[in-house]
Amino acid sequence: MLFSKSITFVEKDLENAAAAAGEEYAYASAEQVFIENLRAGEAEAFDLLITRYSADIYALLFRLTQDPEEAGDLTQDTFLRAFRSIGKFRGDSELKTWLFRIAINESRNRFRWWKRQRREKTISLDEPLSESNRSIGDTLAGNSPNPEEVLLDDEYRRALYSALGSLPDIFREALVLCDIEGQSYQEIAVILEINIGTVKSRIARGREELRKQLRDY
């Protein structure tokens, strides 16, 4: 009896594992077809790519630039670059990770152009992220798993984003990707094209700089 019962459990486990494997295989196959359609330049595939990821790309760029117009322009630049570069996508990372890398590179290129043009721009810390009128300051969760659990008053929020905006780009990028976007160290390493040790160092130094600037709060 015991023996047959054990066999039954094993069979059920195998069935569940097979079902899960089948679903994973189906998803991987569909994703591969999607990527191949992108590489073939199919308009519908690119429309789907934009539908899937434009909100995430815009949010990332808005958090880096704190400028809704600039974030919108850079989002368009990101997808234009993706369209031109999809043939080079090897599939060794998620599409979202690949797009994040392009977005950050586009942001860096724009900043270099600004420096060459000696352009200065005032950053608004209270620009809404969407029609909900939630500002970027409302979205920072730090290390908390739930942004709604973090209550920041206006003065602290302004000080926080002023401090974040004053960080060197390499620290701000790492902090935004980790503490706001929730990317893993491995994903950040791929996006920024650096090793994990450097990722950890930049995040630690960025957080330390923020703590120093916010020590009075």
N, C-alpha and C. Protein backbone atom coordinates (compact mmCIF):
# COMPACT_ATOMS: atom_id res chain seq x y z
N MET A 1 0.83 -1.20 0.00
CA MET A 1 0.00 0.00 0.00
C MET A 1 0.86 1.25 0.00
N LEU A 2 1.81 1.26 0.93
CA LEU A 2 2.70 2.41 1.03
C LEU A 2 3.47 2.60 -0.27
N PHE A 3 3.90 1.48 -0.81
CA PHE A 3 4.71 1.54 -2.03
C PHE A 3 3.88 2.15 -3.18
N SER A 4 2.65 1.66 -3.34
CA SER A 4 1.82 2.16 -4.44
C SER A 4 1.46 3.63 -4.21
N LYS A 5 1.29 4.03 -2.93
CA LYS A 5 0.96 5.42 -2.63
C LYS A 5 2.14 6.31 -3.01
N SER A 6 3.36 5.87 -2.70
CA SER A 6 4.54 6.65 -3.04
C SER A 6 4.66 6.81 -4.55
N ILE A 7 4.37 5.72 -5.27
CA ILE A 7 4.43 5.77 -6.73
C ILE A 7 3.43 6.80 -7.26
N THR A 8 2.24 6.84 -6.62
CA THR A 8 1.22 7.79 -7.05
C THR A 8 1.70 9.22 -6.88
N PHE A 9 2.34 9.50 -5.74
CA PHE A 9 2.87 10.84 -5.51
C PHE A 9 3.92 11.20 -6.55
N VAL A 10 4.80 10.26 -6.86
CA VAL A 10 5.84 10.51 -7.84
C VAL A 10 5.23 10.81 -9.19
N GLU A 11 4.22 10.03 -9.57
CA GLU A 11 3.57 10.24 -10.86
C GLU A 11 2.93 11.62 -10.94
N LYS A 12 2.29 12.03 -9.85
CA LYS A 12 1.67 13.36 -9.84
C LYS A 12 2.73 14.45 -9.95
N ASP A 13 3.84 14.25 -9.23
CA ASP A 13 4.92 15.24 -9.31
C ASP A 13 5.46 15.33 -10.73
N LEU A 14 5.61 14.17 -11.36
CA LEU A 14 6.12 14.15 -12.73
C LEU A 14 5.15 14.83 -13.68
N GLU A 15 3.85 14.58 -13.46
CA GLU A 15 2.84 15.21 -14.31
C GLU A 15 2.87 16.72 -14.17
N ASN A 16 2.98 17.19 -12.90
CA ASN A 16 3.04 18.63 -12.66
C ASN A 16 4.28 19.24 -13.28
N ALA A 17 5.41 18.55 -13.13
CA ALA A 17 6.66 19.04 -13.69
C ALA A 17 6.59 19.09 -15.21
N ALA A 18 5.98 18.06 -15.79
CA ALA A 18 5.85 18.02 -17.24
C ALA A 18 4.96 19.16 -17.74
N ALA A 19 3.88 19.43 -17.01
CA ALA A 19 2.97 20.51 -17.41
C ALA A 19 3.68 21.86 -17.34
N ALA A 20 4.43 22.06 -16.23
CA ALA A 20 5.16 23.31 -16.08
C ALA A 20 6.21 23.47 -17.17
N ALA A 21 6.91 22.37 -17.46
CA ALA A 21 7.93 22.40 -18.50
C ALA A 21 7.31 22.71 -19.85
N GLY A 22 6.13 22.13 -20.08
CA GLY A 22 5.43 22.38 -21.34
C GLY A 22 5.05 23.83 -21.50
N GLU A 23 4.54 24.44 -20.42
CA GLU A 23 4.17 25.85 -20.47
C GLU A 23 5.39 26.72 -20.70
N GLU A 24 6.48 26.38 -20.01
CA GLU A 24 7.70 27.16 -20.16
C GLU A 24 8.24 27.04 -21.58
N TYR A 25 8.18 25.83 -22.12
CA TYR A 25 8.65 25.61 -23.49
C TYR A 25 7.79 26.39 -24.48
N ALA A 26 6.46 26.37 -24.25
CA ALA A 26 5.55 27.08 -25.15
C ALA A 26 5.84 28.58 -25.12
N TYR A 27 6.08 29.11 -23.90
CA TYR A 27 6.38 30.54 -23.77
C TYR A 27 7.69 30.88 -24.48
N ALA A 28 8.72 30.04 -24.25
CA ALA A 28 10.02 30.27 -24.87
C ALA A 28 9.92 30.22 -26.39
N SER A 29 9.12 29.28 -26.89
CA SER A 29 8.94 29.16 -28.34
C SER A 29 8.23 30.38 -28.91
N ALA A 30 7.19 30.83 -28.22
CA ALA A 30 6.45 32.01 -28.68
C ALA A 30 7.34 33.25 -28.64
N GLU A 31 8.15 33.35 -27.60
CA GLU A 31 9.06 34.50 -27.48
C GLU A 31 10.10 34.48 -28.59
N GLN A 32 10.58 33.29 -28.91
CA GLN A 32 11.57 33.18 -29.98
C GLN A 32 10.96 33.57 -31.33
N VAL A 33 9.72 33.16 -31.56
CA VAL A 33 9.03 33.55 -32.80
C VAL A 33 8.87 35.07 -32.83
N PHE A 34 8.51 35.64 -31.68
CA PHE A 34 8.34 37.09 -31.59
C PHE A 34 9.65 37.80 -31.94
N ILE A 35 10.76 37.32 -31.39
CA ILE A 35 12.07 37.92 -31.67
C ILE A 35 12.43 37.79 -33.14
N GLU A 36 12.14 36.63 -33.71
CA GLU A 36 12.43 36.43 -35.13
C GLU A 36 11.59 37.38 -36.00
N ASN A 37 10.34 37.61 -35.59
CA ASN A 37 9.50 38.56 -36.32
C ASN A 37 10.05 39.98 -36.22
N LEU A 38 10.58 40.31 -35.05
CA LEU A 38 11.22 41.61 -34.88
C LEU A 38 12.42 41.74 -35.81
N ARG A 39 13.24 40.70 -35.82
CA ARG A 39 14.43 40.72 -36.68
C ARG A 39 14.06 40.81 -38.15
N ALA A 40 12.90 40.27 -38.49
CA ALA A 40 12.45 40.32 -39.88
C ALA A 40 11.85 41.68 -40.24
N GLY A 41 11.75 42.56 -39.24
CA GLY A 41 11.24 43.90 -39.49
C GLY A 41 9.74 44.00 -39.61
N GLU A 42 9.02 43.03 -39.03
CA GLU A 42 7.56 43.05 -39.13
C GLU A 42 6.98 44.18 -38.28
N ALA A 43 6.15 45.00 -38.89
CA ALA A 43 5.58 46.17 -38.22
C ALA A 43 4.73 45.77 -37.02
N GLU A 44 3.95 44.70 -37.15
CA GLU A 44 3.08 44.27 -36.05
C GLU A 44 3.90 43.86 -34.83
N ALA A 45 5.05 43.22 -35.07
CA ALA A 45 5.90 42.81 -33.96
C ALA A 45 6.44 44.03 -33.22
N PHE A 46 6.83 45.06 -33.97
CA PHE A 46 7.33 46.27 -33.32
C PHE A 46 6.22 47.03 -32.61
N ASP A 47 5.03 47.00 -33.16
CA ASP A 47 3.89 47.61 -32.45
C ASP A 47 3.68 46.92 -31.11
N LEU A 48 3.80 45.59 -31.09
CA LEU A 48 3.63 44.83 -29.85
C LEU A 48 4.77 45.13 -28.88
N LEU A 49 5.99 45.26 -29.41
CA LEU A 49 7.14 45.59 -28.56
C LEU A 49 6.90 46.92 -27.85
N ILE A 50 6.43 47.90 -28.59
CA ILE A 50 6.16 49.22 -28.01
C ILE A 50 5.03 49.14 -26.99
N THR A 51 3.98 48.40 -27.32
CA THR A 51 2.86 48.24 -26.40
C THR A 51 3.31 47.60 -25.09
N ARG A 52 4.16 46.59 -25.20
CA ARG A 52 4.63 45.86 -24.02
C ARG A 52 5.50 46.72 -23.11
N TYR A 53 6.42 47.48 -23.70
CA TYR A 53 7.51 48.04 -22.92
C TYR A 53 7.60 49.57 -22.88
N SER A 54 6.78 50.28 -23.63
CA SER A 54 6.94 51.73 -23.68
C SER A 54 6.73 52.39 -22.32
N ALA A 55 5.76 51.90 -21.54
CA ALA A 55 5.52 52.49 -20.22
C ALA A 55 6.72 52.30 -19.29
N ASP A 56 7.32 51.11 -19.33
CA ASP A 56 8.49 50.84 -18.48
C ASP A 56 9.68 51.69 -18.90
N ILE A 57 9.89 51.84 -20.21
CA ILE A 57 11.01 52.63 -20.70
C ILE A 57 10.82 54.10 -20.36
N TYR A 58 9.60 54.59 -20.55
CA TYR A 58 9.32 55.99 -20.22
C TYR A 58 9.53 56.24 -18.73
N ALA A 59 9.03 55.34 -17.88
CA ALA A 59 9.18 55.52 -16.44
C ALA A 59 10.66 55.57 -16.05
N LEU A 60 11.46 54.67 -16.60
CA LEU A 60 12.89 54.67 -16.30
C LEU A 60 13.52 56.00 -16.71
N LEU A 61 13.25 56.45 -17.92
CA LEU A 61 13.87 57.67 -18.42
C LEU A 61 13.37 58.90 -17.66
N PHE A 62 12.11 58.88 -17.25
CA PHE A 62 11.59 59.99 -16.46
C PHE A 62 12.29 60.07 -15.11
N ARG A 63 12.55 58.91 -14.53
CA ARG A 63 13.22 58.89 -13.24
C ARG A 63 14.68 59.32 -13.35
N LEU A 64 15.29 59.08 -14.49
CA LEU A 64 16.67 59.49 -14.70
C LEU A 64 16.77 60.98 -15.03
N THR A 65 15.82 61.48 -15.83
CA THR A 65 15.90 62.87 -16.29
C THR A 65 15.03 63.82 -15.48
N GLN A 66 13.98 63.30 -14.85
CA GLN A 66 12.99 64.10 -14.12
C GLN A 66 12.40 65.18 -15.02
N ASP A 67 12.22 64.84 -16.28
CA ASP A 67 11.69 65.77 -17.27
C ASP A 67 10.76 64.99 -18.20
N PRO A 68 9.44 65.21 -18.13
CA PRO A 68 8.51 64.40 -18.93
C PRO A 68 8.71 64.54 -20.42
N GLU A 69 8.99 65.76 -20.89
CA GLU A 69 9.20 65.95 -22.33
C GLU A 69 10.46 65.24 -22.80
N GLU A 70 11.52 65.39 -22.02
CA GLU A 70 12.77 64.73 -22.39
C GLU A 70 12.62 63.21 -22.35
N ALA A 71 11.92 62.71 -21.34
CA ALA A 71 11.69 61.27 -21.23
C ALA A 71 10.91 60.75 -22.42
N GLY A 72 9.93 61.53 -22.89
CA GLY A 72 9.15 61.13 -24.06
C GLY A 72 10.00 61.07 -25.31
N ASP A 73 10.84 62.09 -25.50
CA ASP A 73 11.74 62.11 -26.67
C ASP A 73 12.70 60.93 -26.63
N LEU A 74 13.26 60.67 -25.44
CA LEU A 74 14.23 59.59 -25.31
C LEU A 74 13.57 58.22 -25.47
N THR A 75 12.30 58.11 -25.07
CA THR A 75 11.58 56.85 -25.28
C THR A 75 11.45 56.57 -26.78
N GLN A 76 11.11 57.59 -27.55
CA GLN A 76 11.03 57.41 -29.00
C GLN A 76 12.39 57.04 -29.57
N ASP A 77 13.43 57.73 -29.10
CA ASP A 77 14.79 57.43 -29.57
C ASP A 77 15.18 55.99 -29.25
N THR A 78 14.76 55.54 -28.06
CA THR A 78 15.08 54.17 -27.64
C THR A 78 14.49 53.15 -28.58
N PHE A 79 13.22 53.30 -28.92
CA PHE A 79 12.58 52.31 -29.80
C PHE A 79 13.07 52.44 -31.25
N LEU A 80 13.44 53.63 -31.65
CA LEU A 80 14.03 53.79 -32.98
C LEU A 80 15.38 53.07 -33.04
N ARG A 81 16.17 53.22 -31.98
CA ARG A 81 17.46 52.52 -31.91
C ARG A 81 17.25 51.01 -31.85
N ALA A 82 16.24 50.58 -31.12
CA ALA A 82 15.94 49.14 -31.04
C ALA A 82 15.57 48.60 -32.41
N PHE A 83 14.77 49.36 -33.15
CA PHE A 83 14.38 48.94 -34.50
C PHE A 83 15.60 48.76 -35.39
N ARG A 84 16.55 49.69 -35.26
CA ARG A 84 17.75 49.63 -36.09
C ARG A 84 18.73 48.55 -35.64
N SER A 85 18.65 48.17 -34.35
CA SER A 85 19.67 47.28 -33.78
C SER A 85 19.18 45.87 -33.50
N ILE A 86 17.91 45.59 -33.78
CA ILE A 86 17.34 44.29 -33.39
C ILE A 86 18.11 43.12 -34.00
N GLY A 87 18.70 43.34 -35.16
CA GLY A 87 19.47 42.26 -35.78
C GLY A 87 20.67 41.84 -34.96
N LYS A 88 21.13 42.72 -34.06
CA LYS A 88 22.28 42.41 -33.21
C LYS A 88 21.87 41.77 -31.88
N PHE A 89 20.57 41.73 -31.63
CA PHE A 89 20.09 41.14 -30.37
C PHE A 89 20.30 39.63 -30.40
N ARG A 90 21.11 39.13 -29.47
CA ARG A 90 21.48 37.72 -29.46
C ARG A 90 20.55 36.87 -28.61
N GLY A 91 19.71 37.51 -27.83
CA GLY A 91 18.79 36.75 -26.98
C GLY A 91 19.42 36.25 -25.70
N ASP A 92 20.59 36.80 -25.32
CA ASP A 92 21.23 36.36 -24.08
C ASP A 92 20.74 37.17 -22.87
N SER A 93 19.75 38.01 -23.06
CA SER A 93 19.10 38.72 -21.96
C SER A 93 17.64 38.91 -22.34
N GLU A 94 16.83 39.32 -21.38
CA GLU A 94 15.43 39.61 -21.66
C GLU A 94 15.33 40.83 -22.57
N LEU A 95 14.27 40.90 -23.36
CA LEU A 95 14.07 42.07 -24.22
C LEU A 95 14.00 43.35 -23.40
N LYS A 96 13.33 43.30 -22.25
CA LYS A 96 13.22 44.47 -21.40
C LYS A 96 14.60 44.93 -20.93
N THR A 97 15.45 44.00 -20.55
CA THR A 97 16.80 44.33 -20.12
C THR A 97 17.58 44.99 -21.25
N TRP A 98 17.45 44.43 -22.45
CA TRP A 98 18.11 44.99 -23.63
C TRP A 98 17.62 46.41 -23.91
N LEU A 99 16.30 46.63 -23.79
CA LEU A 99 15.74 47.95 -24.02
C LEU A 99 16.18 48.94 -22.95
N PHE A 100 16.28 48.50 -21.71
CA PHE A 100 16.78 49.37 -20.64
C PHE A 100 18.20 49.83 -20.95
N ARG A 101 19.02 48.92 -21.46
CA ARG A 101 20.40 49.27 -21.80
C ARG A 101 20.42 50.34 -22.88
N ILE A 102 19.59 50.16 -23.90
CA ILE A 102 19.52 51.16 -24.98
C ILE A 102 19.03 52.50 -24.43
N ALA A 103 18.02 52.47 -23.57
CA ALA A 103 17.46 53.69 -23.01
C ALA A 103 18.52 54.47 -22.23
N ILE A 104 19.29 53.78 -21.42
CA ILE A 104 20.32 54.46 -20.63
C ILE A 104 21.40 55.03 -21.53
N ASN A 105 21.78 54.29 -22.57
CA ASN A 105 22.77 54.81 -23.51
C ASN A 105 22.25 56.04 -24.24
N GLU A 106 20.97 56.03 -24.62
CA GLU A 106 20.38 57.20 -25.27
C GLU A 106 20.37 58.39 -24.32
N SER A 107 20.07 58.14 -23.05
CA SER A 107 20.08 59.20 -22.05
C SER A 107 21.48 59.78 -21.88
N ARG A 108 22.47 58.92 -21.84
CA ARG A 108 23.85 59.39 -21.71
C ARG A 108 24.27 60.21 -22.93
N ASN A 109 23.90 59.76 -24.11
CA ASN A 109 24.26 60.48 -25.33
C ASN A 109 23.62 61.87 -25.35
N ARG A 110 22.35 61.94 -24.91
CA ARG A 110 21.68 63.23 -24.88
C ARG A 110 22.36 64.18 -23.89
N PHE A 111 22.77 63.63 -22.74
CA PHE A 111 23.43 64.46 -21.74
C PHE A 111 24.76 65.00 -22.26
N ARG A 112 25.49 64.15 -22.99
CA ARG A 112 26.76 64.63 -23.58
C ARG A 112 26.48 65.75 -24.58
N TRP A 113 25.40 65.62 -25.34
CA TRP A 113 25.04 66.67 -26.30
C TRP A 113 24.72 67.96 -25.57
N TRP A 114 23.97 67.82 -24.47
CA TRP A 114 23.65 69.00 -23.66
C TRP A 114 24.92 69.71 -23.20
N LYS A 115 25.89 68.94 -22.71
CA LYS A 115 27.13 69.53 -22.22
C LYS A 115 27.85 70.26 -23.33
N ARG A 116 27.85 69.67 -24.53
CA ARG A 116 28.51 70.34 -25.65
C ARG A 116 27.81 71.64 -26.00
N GLN A 117 26.49 71.66 -25.86
CA GLN A 117 25.72 72.85 -26.18
C GLN A 117 25.64 73.82 -25.01
N ARG A 118 26.22 73.43 -23.87
CA ARG A 118 26.19 74.24 -22.65
C ARG A 118 24.76 74.59 -22.24
N ARG A 119 23.89 73.61 -22.41
CA ARG A 119 22.49 73.83 -22.09
C ARG A 119 22.24 73.54 -20.62
N GLU A 120 21.45 74.40 -19.98
CA GLU A 120 21.06 74.18 -18.60
C GLU A 120 19.54 74.08 -18.55
N LYS A 121 19.06 73.20 -17.70
CA LYS A 121 17.61 73.00 -17.61
C LYS A 121 17.22 72.81 -16.16
N THR A 122 16.17 73.51 -15.76
CA THR A 122 15.66 73.37 -14.40
C THR A 122 14.84 72.10 -14.30
N ILE A 123 15.10 71.31 -13.29
CA ILE A 123 14.38 70.06 -13.10
C ILE A 123 13.23 70.25 -12.11
N SER A 124 12.06 69.81 -12.49
CA SER A 124 10.92 69.86 -11.60
C SER A 124 10.81 68.53 -10.87
N LEU A 125 10.73 68.60 -9.55
CA LEU A 125 10.63 67.37 -8.76
C LEU A 125 9.20 66.89 -8.61
N ASP A 126 8.24 67.69 -9.06
CA ASP A 126 6.84 67.36 -8.83
C ASP A 126 6.06 67.13 -10.11
N GLU A 127 6.75 66.94 -11.25
CA GLU A 127 6.05 66.63 -12.48
C GLU A 127 5.33 65.29 -12.33
N PRO A 128 4.04 65.22 -12.73
CA PRO A 128 3.32 63.96 -12.60
C PRO A 128 3.84 62.90 -13.54
N LEU A 129 3.82 61.66 -13.09
CA LEU A 129 4.24 60.54 -13.92
C LEU A 129 3.18 60.18 -14.95
N SER A 130 1.94 60.45 -14.65
CA SER A 130 0.86 60.06 -15.55
C SER A 130 -0.37 60.89 -15.23
N GLU A 131 -1.51 60.50 -15.80
CA GLU A 131 -2.74 61.23 -15.56
C GLU A 131 -3.19 61.13 -14.11
N SER A 132 -2.58 60.23 -13.34
CA SER A 132 -2.97 60.08 -11.95
C SER A 132 -2.43 61.22 -11.08
N ASN A 133 -1.54 62.04 -11.66
CA ASN A 133 -0.93 63.17 -10.96
C ASN A 133 -0.02 62.76 -9.82
N ARG A 134 0.41 61.51 -9.81
CA ARG A 134 1.43 61.08 -8.84
C ARG A 134 2.78 61.54 -9.34
N SER A 135 3.54 62.18 -8.46
CA SER A 135 4.85 62.68 -8.87
C SER A 135 5.89 61.59 -8.71
N ILE A 136 7.06 61.83 -9.27
CA ILE A 136 8.14 60.85 -9.15
C ILE A 136 8.50 60.62 -7.69
N GLY A 137 8.38 61.68 -6.88
CA GLY A 137 8.70 61.53 -5.46
C GLY A 137 7.82 60.52 -4.76
N ASP A 138 6.60 60.33 -5.31
CA ASP A 138 5.67 59.38 -4.69
C ASP A 138 6.02 57.93 -5.00
N THR A 139 6.94 57.71 -5.94
CA THR A 139 7.19 56.35 -6.39
C THR A 139 8.39 55.70 -5.73
N LEU A 140 9.22 56.48 -5.04
CA LEU A 140 10.45 55.91 -4.49
C LEU A 140 10.15 55.03 -3.30
N ALA A 141 10.57 53.78 -3.38
CA ALA A 141 10.28 52.84 -2.30
C ALA A 141 11.51 52.52 -1.48
N GLY A 142 12.70 52.95 -1.92
CA GLY A 142 13.92 52.57 -1.22
C GLY A 142 14.05 51.07 -1.21
N ASN A 143 14.25 50.49 -0.04
CA ASN A 143 14.36 49.03 0.06
C ASN A 143 13.05 48.40 0.49
N SER A 144 12.00 49.20 0.60
CA SER A 144 10.71 48.66 1.02
C SER A 144 10.06 47.88 -0.11
N PRO A 145 9.41 46.75 0.20
CA PRO A 145 8.76 45.98 -0.86
C PRO A 145 7.48 46.62 -1.36
N ASN A 146 6.95 47.58 -0.62
CA ASN A 146 5.67 48.19 -0.97
C ASN A 146 5.77 49.70 -0.91
N PRO A 147 5.78 50.40 -2.07
CA PRO A 147 5.91 51.86 -2.07
C PRO A 147 4.85 52.55 -1.23
N GLU A 148 3.64 51.97 -1.17
CA GLU A 148 2.58 52.61 -0.40
C GLU A 148 2.88 52.63 1.10
N GLU A 149 3.81 51.81 1.53
CA GLU A 149 4.15 51.78 2.95
C GLU A 149 5.10 52.91 3.32
N VAL A 150 5.64 53.58 2.32
CA VAL A 150 6.62 54.64 2.58
C VAL A 150 5.93 55.99 2.45
N LEU A 151 5.82 56.70 3.54
CA LEU A 151 5.15 58.00 3.53
C LEU A 151 6.20 59.09 3.66
N LEU A 152 6.35 59.89 2.61
CA LEU A 152 7.34 60.96 2.60
C LEU A 152 6.60 62.29 2.52
N ASP A 153 6.93 63.20 3.43
CA ASP A 153 6.30 64.51 3.33
C ASP A 153 6.97 65.29 2.20
N ASP A 154 6.36 66.41 1.83
CA ASP A 154 6.82 67.18 0.67
C ASP A 154 8.27 67.65 0.83
N GLU A 155 8.61 68.12 2.00
CA GLU A 155 9.97 68.64 2.22
C GLU A 155 11.01 67.55 2.05
N TYR A 156 10.74 66.39 2.65
CA TYR A 156 11.70 65.30 2.54
C TYR A 156 11.79 64.78 1.12
N ARG A 157 10.63 64.68 0.44
CA ARG A 157 10.62 64.19 -0.94
C ARG A 157 11.44 65.10 -1.84
N ARG A 158 11.27 66.41 -1.66
CA ARG A 158 12.04 67.36 -2.46
C ARG A 158 13.53 67.21 -2.18
N ALA A 159 13.87 67.10 -0.90
CA ALA A 159 15.28 66.95 -0.54
C ALA A 159 15.86 65.66 -1.10
N LEU A 160 15.07 64.60 -1.06
CA LEU A 160 15.52 63.31 -1.56
C LEU A 160 15.83 63.36 -3.04
N TYR A 161 14.91 63.93 -3.82
CA TYR A 161 15.14 63.96 -5.26
C TYR A 161 16.14 65.01 -5.68
N SER A 162 16.27 66.05 -4.88
CA SER A 162 17.36 67.00 -5.13
C SER A 162 18.69 66.30 -4.93
N ALA A 163 18.79 65.50 -3.87
CA ALA A 163 20.02 64.76 -3.60
C ALA A 163 20.27 63.71 -4.68
N LEU A 164 19.22 63.00 -5.09
CA LEU A 164 19.36 61.99 -6.14
C LEU A 164 19.82 62.63 -7.45
N GLY A 165 19.24 63.80 -7.77
CA GLY A 165 19.62 64.48 -8.99
C GLY A 165 21.03 65.00 -8.98
N SER A 166 21.59 65.22 -7.79
CA SER A 166 22.95 65.75 -7.70
C SER A 166 24.02 64.66 -7.74
N LEU A 167 23.59 63.40 -7.68
CA LEU A 167 24.56 62.30 -7.71
C LEU A 167 25.20 62.20 -9.09
N PRO A 168 26.44 61.73 -9.16
CA PRO A 168 27.02 61.41 -10.46
C PRO A 168 26.15 60.39 -11.18
N ASP A 169 26.11 60.48 -12.51
CA ASP A 169 25.24 59.60 -13.30
C ASP A 169 25.41 58.12 -12.96
N ILE A 170 26.65 57.68 -12.77
CA ILE A 170 26.88 56.25 -12.56
C ILE A 170 26.22 55.76 -11.28
N PHE A 171 26.14 56.61 -10.26
CA PHE A 171 25.48 56.22 -9.01
C PHE A 171 23.96 56.33 -9.16
N ARG A 172 23.49 57.41 -9.80
CA ARG A 172 22.05 57.60 -9.96
C ARG A 172 21.44 56.48 -10.80
N GLU A 173 22.10 56.11 -11.89
CA GLU A 173 21.59 55.03 -12.73
C GLU A 173 21.45 53.74 -11.94
N ALA A 174 22.48 53.40 -11.18
CA ALA A 174 22.45 52.16 -10.41
C ALA A 174 21.35 52.17 -9.35
N LEU A 175 21.19 53.32 -8.67
CA LEU A 175 20.16 53.42 -7.63
C LEU A 175 18.76 53.36 -8.22
N VAL A 176 18.53 54.06 -9.32
CA VAL A 176 17.21 54.03 -9.95
C VAL A 176 16.86 52.61 -10.38
N LEU A 177 17.81 51.93 -11.02
CA LEU A 177 17.55 50.57 -11.49
C LEU A 177 17.29 49.61 -10.33
N CYS A 178 18.03 49.78 -9.24
CA CYS A 178 17.91 48.86 -8.10
C CYS A 178 16.74 49.21 -7.18
N ASP A 179 16.71 50.45 -6.69
CA ASP A 179 15.78 50.81 -5.63
C ASP A 179 14.41 51.26 -6.14
N ILE A 180 14.32 51.67 -7.39
CA ILE A 180 13.03 52.09 -7.93
C ILE A 180 12.50 51.06 -8.93
N GLU A 181 13.35 50.65 -9.87
CA GLU A 181 12.91 49.69 -10.89
C GLU A 181 12.91 48.25 -10.38
N GLY A 182 13.63 47.98 -9.28
CA GLY A 182 13.62 46.65 -8.70
C GLY A 182 14.41 45.61 -9.49
N GLN A 183 15.38 46.06 -10.28
CA GLN A 183 16.21 45.13 -11.05
C GLN A 183 17.21 44.43 -10.13
N SER A 184 17.55 43.19 -10.45
CA SER A 184 18.55 42.45 -9.68
C SER A 184 19.94 42.95 -10.03
N TYR A 185 20.93 42.58 -9.20
CA TYR A 185 22.32 42.96 -9.48
C TYR A 185 22.75 42.43 -10.85
N GLN A 186 22.34 41.19 -11.15
CA GLN A 186 22.71 40.59 -12.42
C GLN A 186 22.11 41.37 -13.59
N GLU A 187 20.84 41.74 -13.47
CA GLU A 187 20.19 42.50 -14.53
C GLU A 187 20.83 43.87 -14.71
N ILE A 188 21.16 44.51 -13.58
CA ILE A 188 21.80 45.82 -13.66
C ILE A 188 23.17 45.71 -14.31
N ALA A 189 23.89 44.64 -14.00
CA ALA A 189 25.21 44.43 -14.61
C ALA A 189 25.08 44.32 -16.13
N VAL A 190 24.04 43.63 -16.59
CA VAL A 190 23.83 43.48 -18.03
C VAL A 190 23.44 44.82 -18.65
N ILE A 191 22.53 45.54 -17.99
CA ILE A 191 22.06 46.82 -18.52
C ILE A 191 23.18 47.84 -18.61
N LEU A 192 23.98 47.95 -17.56
CA LEU A 192 25.04 48.95 -17.52
C LEU A 192 26.35 48.45 -18.11
N GLU A 193 26.39 47.16 -18.46
CA GLU A 193 27.58 46.54 -19.06
C GLU A 193 28.80 46.67 -18.15
N ILE A 194 28.57 46.33 -16.88
CA ILE A 194 29.64 46.31 -15.89
C ILE A 194 29.52 45.01 -15.10
N ASN A 195 30.52 44.70 -14.27
CA ASN A 195 30.42 43.47 -13.49
C ASN A 195 29.62 43.69 -12.20
N ILE A 196 29.21 42.59 -11.58
CA ILE A 196 28.34 42.67 -10.41
C ILE A 196 29.03 43.39 -9.25
N GLY A 197 30.33 43.20 -9.10
CA GLY A 197 31.06 43.88 -8.04
C GLY A 197 30.96 45.39 -8.19
N THR A 198 31.06 45.87 -9.42
CA THR A 198 30.94 47.31 -9.68
C THR A 198 29.52 47.79 -9.42
N VAL A 199 28.54 46.96 -9.77
CA VAL A 199 27.14 47.30 -9.49
C VAL A 199 26.95 47.51 -7.99
N LYS A 200 27.40 46.57 -7.20
CA LYS A 200 27.23 46.66 -5.75
C LYS A 200 27.95 47.89 -5.19
N SER A 201 29.15 48.16 -5.71
CA SER A 201 29.93 49.31 -5.25
C SER A 201 29.20 50.61 -5.56
N ARG A 202 28.66 50.73 -6.78
CA ARG A 202 27.97 51.97 -7.15
C ARG A 202 26.71 52.18 -6.33
N ILE A 203 25.97 51.10 -6.09
CA ILE A 203 24.76 51.22 -5.28
C ILE A 203 25.11 51.62 -3.85
N ALA A 204 26.13 50.98 -3.29
CA ALA A 204 26.54 51.29 -1.91
C ALA A 204 27.01 52.74 -1.79
N ARG A 205 27.82 53.18 -2.74
CA ARG A 205 28.33 54.55 -2.69
C ARG A 205 27.22 55.56 -2.93
N GLY A 206 26.31 55.23 -3.84
CA GLY A 206 25.18 56.12 -4.09
C GLY A 206 24.30 56.27 -2.86
N ARG A 207 24.01 55.16 -2.20
CA ARG A 207 23.19 55.22 -0.99
C ARG A 207 23.90 56.00 0.11
N GLU A 208 25.20 55.82 0.23
CA GLU A 208 25.96 56.53 1.25
C GLU A 208 25.93 58.03 1.00
N GLU A 209 26.04 58.43 -0.29
CA GLU A 209 25.97 59.85 -0.63
C GLU A 209 24.60 60.42 -0.29
N LEU A 210 23.55 59.65 -0.57
CA LEU A 210 22.20 60.10 -0.23
C LEU A 210 22.05 60.26 1.28
N ARG A 211 22.57 59.30 2.02
CA ARG A 211 22.48 59.38 3.50
C ARG A 211 23.18 60.63 4.02
N LYS A 212 24.33 60.95 3.44
CA LYS A 212 25.08 62.15 3.88
C LYS A 212 24.27 63.40 3.61
N GLN A 213 23.67 63.48 2.43
CA GLN A 213 22.94 64.68 2.07
C GLN A 213 21.62 64.80 2.82
N LEU A 214 21.10 63.67 3.30
CA LEU A 214 19.81 63.67 3.98
C LEU A 214 19.94 63.44 5.48
N ARG A 215 21.13 63.62 6.00
CA ARG A 215 21.35 63.30 7.42
C ARG A 215 20.54 64.18 8.38
N ASP A 216 20.11 65.33 7.92
CA ASP A 216 19.33 66.23 8.79
C ASP A 216 17.83 65.91 8.77
N TYR A 217 17.43 64.88 7.98
CA TYR A 217 16.00 64.57 7.91
C TYR A 217 15.67 63.30 8.67
